[in-house]
Amino acid sequence: MEAHLMNWIIISLCAGCLALEVKPVTDPVISKVGDSVQLQIKPPGVLAAVIWSFSPANILVVSWVGFNPVITPEYVNRVTLNTATGSVELRSVCLSDAGVYAFQGLIELSGNAEHINGKVTLEVYEPIANVNVKPSLAQPIANQALKLTCEVLGSQTVSSRLWLKDGQPLSTSDRITLSVDSSVVSFNPVLQSDNGEYQCKASNPLSEETSPRYRLEVYCKYPKILFSLCMLN
């Protein structure tokens, strides 16, 4: 009986059906790795059936048609469905859980059966830790190219990076440039006027951390004629 109803509900919840769009309670939902999250919805009527899937591959997560919820094997022991609202709890969240979760369902509204659908985005982050500034040269030389890299543990979850020089935001120019993700600052060339203390502040929606100070000391080449030219910069 349940299998027959399941087939019926999947056919009924077709992409081409007219449906009421239900907005999630929170969107996006932001989670730390290892936490539990609630993907909450509030249908405008009495819930009769609901299916949750993980986009864009349309992987079935859980379905319910009036009997016990059916949870896909990949989500067993990690998912709980609230059959009153259609909301889902996802436990032990990992980075691969990040993405869009779509739902479709049937409700009873004013004596009629109505289709509902919607979606909610889950963003998953690791806490940022161990931020460090790494130079491309152990001993920077004036008038040569130099790069400073902002290294971050769990860098795949960094949303933004801010470079500081002597405690103030670093000013860029034609000579001092940042990579697209601001993970690298390039000096082309580096000059003694660039001397100072550099830091990188990495952040995401859950946390931020600033690196220890890196002291940039630009040296001049010898012989003396090059040393003199360096001192003019």
C-alpha atoms as a PDB file:
ATOM      1  CA  MET A   1       0.000   0.000   0.000  1.00  0.00           C
ATOM      2  CA  GLU A   2       2.753   2.469   0.953  1.00  0.00           C
ATOM      3  CA  ALA A   3       4.757   1.694  -2.192  1.00  0.00           C
ATOM      4  CA  HIS A   4       1.665   2.366  -4.327  1.00  0.00           C
ATOM      5  CA  LEU A   5       1.088   5.715  -2.618  1.00  0.00           C
ATOM      6  CA  MET A   6       4.764   6.581  -3.007  1.00  0.00           C
ATOM      7  CA  ASN A   7       4.601   6.025  -6.761  1.00  0.00           C
ATOM      8  CA  TRP A   8       1.449   8.107  -6.927  1.00  0.00           C
ATOM      9  CA  ILE A   9       2.901  11.001  -4.989  1.00  0.00           C
ATOM     10  CA  ILE A  10       6.094  11.059  -7.075  1.00  0.00           C
ATOM     11  CA  ILE A  11       4.006  11.220 -10.249  1.00  0.00           C
ATOM     12  CA  SER A  12       1.750  13.883  -8.734  1.00  0.00           C
ATOM     13  CA  LEU A  13       4.643  16.090  -7.653  1.00  0.00           C
ATOM     14  CA  CYS A  14       5.721  16.655 -11.232  1.00  0.00           C
ATOM     15  CA  ALA A  15       7.788  19.615 -12.379  1.00  0.00           C
ATOM     16  CA  GLY A  16       5.013  20.817 -14.659  1.00  0.00           C
ATOM     17  CA  CYS A  17       2.309  20.992 -11.995  1.00  0.00           C
ATOM     18  CA  LEU A  18       1.150  24.364 -10.748  1.00  0.00           C
ATOM     19  CA  ALA A  19       2.259  24.740  -7.149  1.00  0.00           C
ATOM     20  CA  LEU A  20       2.287  27.227  -4.319  1.00  0.00           C
ATOM     21  CA  GLU A  21       5.804  28.412  -3.550  1.00  0.00           C
ATOM     22  CA  VAL A  22       6.619  28.125   0.145  1.00  0.00           C
ATOM     23  CA  LYS A  23       9.489  30.231   1.456  1.00  0.00           C
ATOM     24  CA  PRO A  24      11.776  28.545   4.013  1.00  0.00           C
ATOM     25  CA  VAL A  25      11.916  30.029   7.509  1.00  0.00           C
ATOM     26  CA  THR A  26      15.640  30.757   7.040  1.00  0.00           C
ATOM     27  CA  ASP A  27      17.552  30.959   3.753  1.00  0.00           C
ATOM     28  CA  PRO A  28      20.424  30.426   3.526  1.00  0.00           C
ATOM     29  CA  VAL A  29      21.029  28.184   6.512  1.00  0.00           C
ATOM     30  CA  ILE A  30      24.633  28.483   7.731  1.00  0.00           C
ATOM     31  CA  SER A  31      26.283  25.613   9.590  1.00  0.00           C
ATOM     32  CA  LYS A  32      29.637  24.607  11.040  1.00  0.00           C
ATOM     33  CA  VAL A  33      31.054  21.193  10.137  1.00  0.00           C
ATOM     34  CA  GLY A  34      29.763  18.600  12.623  1.00  0.00           C
ATOM     35  CA  ASP A  35      26.720  20.586  13.762  1.00  0.00           C
ATOM     36  CA  SER A  36      23.020  19.841  13.281  1.00  0.00           C
ATOM     37  CA  VAL A  37      20.799  22.138  11.207  1.00  0.00           C
ATOM     38  CA  GLN A  38      17.105  22.691  10.677  1.00  0.00           C
ATOM     39  CA  LEU A  39      15.730  23.188   7.158  1.00  0.00           C
ATOM     40  CA  GLN A  40      12.433  24.670   8.264  1.00  0.00           C
ATOM     41  CA  ILE A  41       9.267  25.289   6.260  1.00  0.00           C
ATOM     42  CA  LYS A  42       5.743  26.300   7.273  1.00  0.00           C
ATOM     43  CA  PRO A  43       3.130  25.137   4.734  1.00  0.00           C
ATOM     44  CA  PRO A  44      -0.080  27.212   4.591  1.00  0.00           C
ATOM     45  CA  GLY A  45      -2.250  24.122   5.109  1.00  0.00           C
ATOM     46  CA  VAL A  46      -2.332  20.602   6.542  1.00  0.00           C
ATOM     47  CA  LEU A  47       0.568  18.583   5.167  1.00  0.00           C
ATOM     48  CA  ALA A  48      -0.389  15.351   3.362  1.00  0.00           C
ATOM     49  CA  ALA A  49       2.914  14.429   1.711  1.00  0.00           C
ATOM     50  CA  VAL A  50       6.393  15.798   1.148  1.00  0.00           C
ATOM     51  CA  ILE A  51       9.606  14.887  -0.669  1.00  0.00           C
ATOM     52  CA  TRP A  52      13.021  16.454  -0.057  1.00  0.00           C
ATOM     53  CA  SER A  53      15.863  16.174  -2.583  1.00  0.00           C
ATOM     54  CA  PHE A  54      19.410  17.482  -2.802  1.00  0.00           C
ATOM     55  CA  SER A  55      20.124  19.590  -5.884  1.00  0.00           C
ATOM     56  CA  PRO A  56      21.489  19.808  -8.520  1.00  0.00           C
ATOM     57  CA  ALA A  57      21.779  16.011  -8.859  1.00  0.00           C
ATOM     58  CA  ASN A  58      18.209  15.602  -7.540  1.00  0.00           C
ATOM     59  CA  ILE A  59      19.290  13.033  -4.924  1.00  0.00           C
ATOM     60  CA  LEU A  60      16.322  11.875  -2.843  1.00  0.00           C
ATOM     61  CA  VAL A  61      16.801  12.607   0.860  1.00  0.00           C
ATOM     62  CA  VAL A  62      13.497  11.714   2.523  1.00  0.00           C
ATOM     63  CA  SER A  63       9.854  11.240   1.529  1.00  0.00           C
ATOM     64  CA  TRP A  64       6.599  10.920   3.420  1.00  0.00           C
ATOM     65  CA  VAL A  65       3.081  10.121   2.256  1.00  0.00           C
ATOM     66  CA  GLY A  66       1.175   9.637   5.478  1.00  0.00           C
ATOM     67  CA  PHE A  67       3.016   6.604   6.835  1.00  0.00           C
ATOM     68  CA  ASN A  68       6.528   6.424   8.282  1.00  0.00           C
ATOM     69  CA  PRO A  69       9.060   8.660   6.516  1.00  0.00           C
ATOM     70  CA  VAL A  70      11.315   6.848   4.046  1.00  0.00           C
ATOM     71  CA  ILE A  71      14.925   8.010   4.348  1.00  0.00           C
ATOM     72  CA  THR A  72      17.474   7.372   1.607  1.00  0.00           C
ATOM     73  CA  PRO A  73      20.267   5.016   2.828  1.00  0.00           C
ATOM     74  CA  GLU A  74      22.908   7.769   2.526  1.00  0.00           C
ATOM     75  CA  TYR A  75      20.965   9.838   5.068  1.00  0.00           C
ATOM     76  CA  VAL A  76      19.839   7.134   7.523  1.00  0.00           C
ATOM     77  CA  ASN A  77      20.601   8.147  11.146  1.00  0.00           C
ATOM     78  CA  ARG A  78      21.331  11.696   9.965  1.00  0.00           C
ATOM     79  CA  VAL A  79      17.877  12.950   8.933  1.00  0.00           C
ATOM     80  CA  THR A  80      14.650  13.442  10.865  1.00  0.00           C
ATOM     81  CA  LEU A  81      11.474  14.656   9.152  1.00  0.00           C
ATOM     82  CA  ASN A  82       8.843  16.666  11.004  1.00  0.00           C
ATOM     83  CA  THR A  83       5.650  15.261   9.471  1.00  0.00           C
ATOM     84  CA  ALA A  84       3.554  18.143  10.819  1.00  0.00           C
ATOM     85  CA  THR A  85       5.472  20.863   8.965  1.00  0.00           C
ATOM     86  CA  GLY A  86       7.669  19.012   6.471  1.00  0.00           C
ATOM     87  CA  SER A  87      10.814  20.504   8.037  1.00  0.00           C
ATOM     88  CA  VAL A  88      14.019  18.455   8.067  1.00  0.00           C
ATOM     89  CA  GLU A  89      16.781  18.131  10.654  1.00  0.00           C
ATOM     90  CA  LEU A  90      20.203  17.199   9.227  1.00  0.00           C
ATOM     91  CA  ARG A  91      22.832  16.016  11.718  1.00  0.00           C
ATOM     92  CA  SER A  92      26.632  15.682  11.600  1.00  0.00           C
ATOM     93  CA  VAL A  93      26.844  18.160   8.755  1.00  0.00           C
ATOM     94  CA  CYS A  94      29.876  17.854   6.463  1.00  0.00           C
ATOM     95  CA  LEU A  95      31.242  20.042   3.666  1.00  0.00           C
ATOM     96  CA  SER A  96      29.678  17.835   0.988  1.00  0.00           C
ATOM     97  CA  ASP A  97      26.216  18.576   2.432  1.00  0.00           C
ATOM     98  CA  ALA A  98      26.456  22.185   1.229  1.00  0.00           C
ATOM     99  CA  GLY A  99      24.061  22.955  -1.606  1.00  0.00           C
ATOM    100  CA  VAL A 100      20.401  23.475  -2.441  1.00  0.00           C
ATOM    101  CA  TYR A 101      17.668  21.336  -0.881  1.00  0.00           C
ATOM    102  CA  ALA A 102      14.373  21.304  -2.790  1.00  0.00           C
ATOM    103  CA  PHE A 103      11.035  20.146  -1.432  1.00  0.00           C
ATOM    104  CA  GLN A 104       7.695  19.290  -3.009  1.00  0.00           C
ATOM    105  CA  GLY A 105       4.512  18.347  -1.231  1.00  0.00           C
ATOM    106  CA  LEU A 106       0.757  18.180  -0.991  1.00  0.00           C
ATOM    107  CA  ILE A 107      -1.338  20.097   1.507  1.00  0.00           C
ATOM    108  CA  GLU A 108      -5.027  20.400   2.269  1.00  0.00           C
ATOM    109  CA  LEU A 109      -6.056  24.029   1.956  1.00  0.00           C
ATOM    110  CA  SER A 110      -9.680  25.207   2.226  1.00  0.00           C
ATOM    111  CA  GLY A 111     -10.892  21.691   1.470  1.00  0.00           C
ATOM    112  CA  ASN A 112      -8.732  21.340  -1.633  1.00  0.00           C
ATOM    113  CA  ALA A 113      -5.490  19.492  -2.347  1.00  0.00           C
ATOM    114  CA  GLU A 114      -2.720  21.917  -3.324  1.00  0.00           C
ATOM    115  CA  HIS A 115       0.823  21.298  -4.510  1.00  0.00           C
ATOM    116  CA  ILE A 116       3.635  23.173  -2.761  1.00  0.00           C
ATOM    117  CA  ASN A 117       7.323  23.497  -3.547  1.00  0.00           C
ATOM    118  CA  GLY A 118      10.366  25.507  -2.579  1.00  0.00           C
ATOM    119  CA  LYS A 119      14.047  25.297  -1.809  1.00  0.00           C
ATOM    120  CA  VAL A 120      16.611  26.279   0.805  1.00  0.00           C
ATOM    121  CA  THR A 121      20.375  26.725   0.514  1.00  0.00           C
ATOM    122  CA  LEU A 122      22.712  25.166   3.077  1.00  0.00           C
ATOM    123  CA  GLU A 123      26.181  26.699   3.509  1.00  0.00           C
ATOM    124  CA  VAL A 124      28.746  24.701   5.488  1.00  0.00           C
ATOM    125  CA  TYR A 125      32.010  26.091   6.854  1.00  0.00           C
ATOM    126  CA  GLU A 126      34.967  24.972   8.903  1.00  0.00           C
ATOM    127  CA  PRO A 127      36.225  27.302  11.650  1.00  0.00           C
ATOM    128  CA  ILE A 128      39.190  29.282  10.353  1.00  0.00           C
ATOM    129  CA  ALA A 129      42.475  28.440  12.047  1.00  0.00           C
ATOM    130  CA  ASN A 130      46.231  28.756  11.584  1.00  0.00           C
ATOM    131  CA  VAL A 131      46.429  31.848   9.383  1.00  0.00           C
ATOM    132  CA  ASN A 132      50.006  32.658   8.365  1.00  0.00           C
ATOM    133  CA  VAL A 133      51.837  34.947   5.934  1.00  0.00           C
ATOM    134  CA  LYS A 134      54.404  33.146   3.780  1.00  0.00           C
ATOM    135  CA  PRO A 135      56.907  35.082   1.614  1.00  0.00           C
ATOM    136  CA  SER A 136      58.109  33.746  -1.744  1.00  0.00           C
ATOM    137  CA  LEU A 137      61.665  34.806  -0.851  1.00  0.00           C
ATOM    138  CA  ALA A 138      63.407  34.201   2.455  1.00  0.00           C
ATOM    139  CA  GLN A 139      65.442  37.379   1.931  1.00  0.00           C
ATOM    140  CA  PRO A 140      63.512  39.906  -0.205  1.00  0.00           C
ATOM    141  CA  ILE A 141      65.747  41.939  -2.511  1.00  0.00           C
ATOM    142  CA  ALA A 142      64.868  45.441  -3.706  1.00  0.00           C
ATOM    143  CA  ASN A 143      63.690  45.770  -7.303  1.00  0.00           C
ATOM    144  CA  GLN A 144      62.824  42.063  -7.527  1.00  0.00           C
ATOM    145  CA  ALA A 145      59.375  40.477  -7.569  1.00  0.00           C
ATOM    146  CA  LEU A 146      57.995  39.278  -4.227  1.00  0.00           C
ATOM    147  CA  LYS A 147      54.785  37.519  -3.248  1.00  0.00           C
ATOM    148  CA  LEU A 148      53.201  37.157   0.175  1.00  0.00           C
ATOM    149  CA  THR A 149      50.719  34.301   0.491  1.00  0.00           C
ATOM    150  CA  CYS A 150      47.942  34.087   3.070  1.00  0.00           C
ATOM    151  CA  GLU A 151      47.895  30.421   4.105  1.00  0.00           C
ATOM    152  CA  VAL A 152      44.819  29.195   5.977  1.00  0.00           C
ATOM    153  CA  LEU A 153      43.978  25.789   7.438  1.00  0.00           C
ATOM    154  CA  GLY A 154      40.648  24.756   5.882  1.00  0.00           C
ATOM    155  CA  SER A 155      41.094  27.378   3.186  1.00  0.00           C
ATOM    156  CA  GLN A 156      38.233  25.933   1.115  1.00  0.00           C
ATOM    157  CA  THR A 157      35.823  27.608   3.543  1.00  0.00           C
ATOM    158  CA  VAL A 158      37.390  31.083   3.537  1.00  0.00           C
ATOM    159  CA  SER A 159      34.973  33.728   2.273  1.00  0.00           C
ATOM    160  CA  SER A 160      37.301  36.724   2.281  1.00  0.00           C
ATOM    161  CA  ARG A 161      40.831  37.870   3.073  1.00  0.00           C
ATOM    162  CA  LEU A 162      41.996  41.323   4.117  1.00  0.00           C
ATOM    163  CA  TRP A 163      45.659  42.372   4.012  1.00  0.00           C
ATOM    164  CA  LEU A 164      47.006  44.770   6.619  1.00  0.00           C
ATOM    165  CA  LYS A 165      50.235  46.772   6.688  1.00  0.00           C
ATOM    166  CA  ASP A 166      51.203  48.174  10.072  1.00  0.00           C
ATOM    167  CA  GLY A 167      47.658  47.544  11.275  1.00  0.00           C
ATOM    168  CA  GLN A 168      45.936  49.396   8.402  1.00  0.00           C
ATOM    169  CA  PRO A 169      44.314  48.003   5.225  1.00  0.00           C
ATOM    170  CA  LEU A 170      46.965  47.547   2.550  1.00  0.00           C
ATOM    171  CA  SER A 171      46.773  50.012  -0.330  1.00  0.00           C
ATOM    172  CA  THR A 172      47.163  48.470  -3.796  1.00  0.00           C
ATOM    173  CA  SER A 173      48.588  50.074  -6.930  1.00  0.00           C
ATOM    174  CA  ASP A 174      49.963  49.172 -10.336  1.00  0.00           C
ATOM    175  CA  ARG A 175      52.995  47.799  -8.464  1.00  0.00           C
ATOM    176  CA  ILE A 176      51.196  46.148  -5.539  1.00  0.00           C
ATOM    177  CA  THR A 177      48.385  43.839  -6.650  1.00  0.00           C
ATOM    178  CA  LEU A 178      46.126  41.155  -5.177  1.00  0.00           C
ATOM    179  CA  SER A 179      45.099  37.814  -6.637  1.00  0.00           C
ATOM    180  CA  VAL A 180      41.428  37.270  -7.495  1.00  0.00           C
ATOM    181  CA  ASP A 181      40.712  35.690  -4.103  1.00  0.00           C
ATOM    182  CA  SER A 182      43.107  38.045  -2.266  1.00  0.00           C
ATOM    183  CA  SER A 183      45.164  35.067  -1.055  1.00  0.00           C
ATOM    184  CA  VAL A 184      48.348  36.516  -2.596  1.00  0.00           C
ATOM    185  CA  VAL A 185      49.733  40.053  -2.624  1.00  0.00           C
ATOM    186  CA  SER A 186      52.365  40.651  -5.313  1.00  0.00           C
ATOM    187  CA  PHE A 187      55.049  43.336  -5.284  1.00  0.00           C
ATOM    188  CA  ASN A 188      56.452  43.947  -8.749  1.00  0.00           C
ATOM    189  CA  PRO A 189      58.990  45.102  -7.824  1.00  0.00           C
ATOM    190  CA  VAL A 190      59.348  45.241  -4.057  1.00  0.00           C
ATOM    191  CA  LEU A 191      60.976  48.382  -2.651  1.00  0.00           C
ATOM    192  CA  GLN A 192      62.393  49.408   0.702  1.00  0.00           C
ATOM    193  CA  SER A 193      59.384  51.678   1.103  1.00  0.00           C
ATOM    194  CA  ASP A 194      57.346  48.451   1.435  1.00  0.00           C
ATOM    195  CA  ASN A 195      59.100  47.621   4.706  1.00  0.00           C
ATOM    196  CA  GLY A 196      56.689  47.064   7.565  1.00  0.00           C
ATOM    197  CA  GLU A 197      54.559  44.510   9.402  1.00  0.00           C
ATOM    198  CA  TYR A 198      52.080  42.570   7.275  1.00  0.00           C
ATOM    199  CA  GLN A 199      49.094  40.522   8.391  1.00  0.00           C
ATOM    200  CA  CYS A 200      46.263  38.663   6.695  1.00  0.00           C
ATOM    201  CA  LYS A 201      42.765  38.508   8.197  1.00  0.00           C
ATOM    202  CA  ALA A 202      40.761  35.511   6.899  1.00  0.00           C
ATOM    203  CA  SER A 203      37.029  35.211   7.560  1.00  0.00           C
ATOM    204  CA  ASN A 204      33.851  33.307   6.771  1.00  0.00           C
ATOM    205  CA  PRO A 205      30.293  33.709   8.141  1.00  0.00           C
ATOM    206  CA  LEU A 206      31.205  31.715  11.259  1.00  0.00           C
ATOM    207  CA  SER A 207      34.655  32.909  12.257  1.00  0.00           C
ATOM    208  CA  GLU A 208      37.687  35.052  11.505  1.00  0.00           C
ATOM    209  CA  GLU A 209      41.352  34.996  12.430  1.00  0.00           C
ATOM    210  CA  THR A 210      44.271  37.332  11.862  1.00  0.00           C
ATOM    211  CA  SER A 211      47.753  36.016  11.185  1.00  0.00           C
ATOM    212  CA  PRO A 212      50.790  36.800  13.341  1.00  0.00           C
ATOM    213  CA  ARG A 213      52.756  39.822  12.134  1.00  0.00           C
ATOM    214  CA  TYR A 214      55.232  39.177   9.342  1.00  0.00           C
ATOM    215  CA  ARG A 215      58.053  41.709   9.325  1.00  0.00           C
ATOM    216  CA  LEU A 216      59.064  42.595   5.763  1.00  0.00           C
ATOM    217  CA  GLU A 217      62.648  43.827   5.485  1.00  0.00           C
ATOM    218  CA  VAL A 218      63.801  44.522   1.948  1.00  0.00           C
ATOM    219  CA  TYR A 219      67.546  44.192   1.393  1.00  0.00           C
ATOM    220  CA  CYS A 220      69.722  45.854  -1.236  1.00  0.00           C
ATOM    221  CA  LYS A 221      72.123  44.061  -3.538  1.00  0.00           C
ATOM    222  CA  TYR A 222      75.826  44.740  -3.599  1.00  0.00           C
ATOM    223  CA  PRO A 223      78.134  46.119  -5.042  1.00  0.00           C
ATOM    224  CA  LYS A 224      77.831  49.635  -3.672  1.00  0.00           C
ATOM    225  CA  ILE A 225      76.455  51.120  -6.884  1.00  0.00           C
ATOM    226  CA  LEU A 226      73.401  48.891  -6.615  1.00  0.00           C
ATOM    227  CA  PHE A 227      73.153  49.642  -2.925  1.00  0.00           C
ATOM    228  CA  SER A 228      73.062  53.358  -3.746  1.00  0.00           C
ATOM    229  CA  LEU A 229      70.378  52.888  -6.371  1.00  0.00           C
ATOM    230  CA  CYS A 230      68.339  50.892  -3.890  1.00  0.00           C
ATOM    231  CA  MET A 231      68.518  53.626  -1.273  1.00  0.00           C
ATOM    232  CA  LEU A 232      66.964  56.053  -3.740  1.00  0.00           C
ATOM    233  CA  ASN A 233      63.701  54.055  -3.868  1.00  0.00           C
END
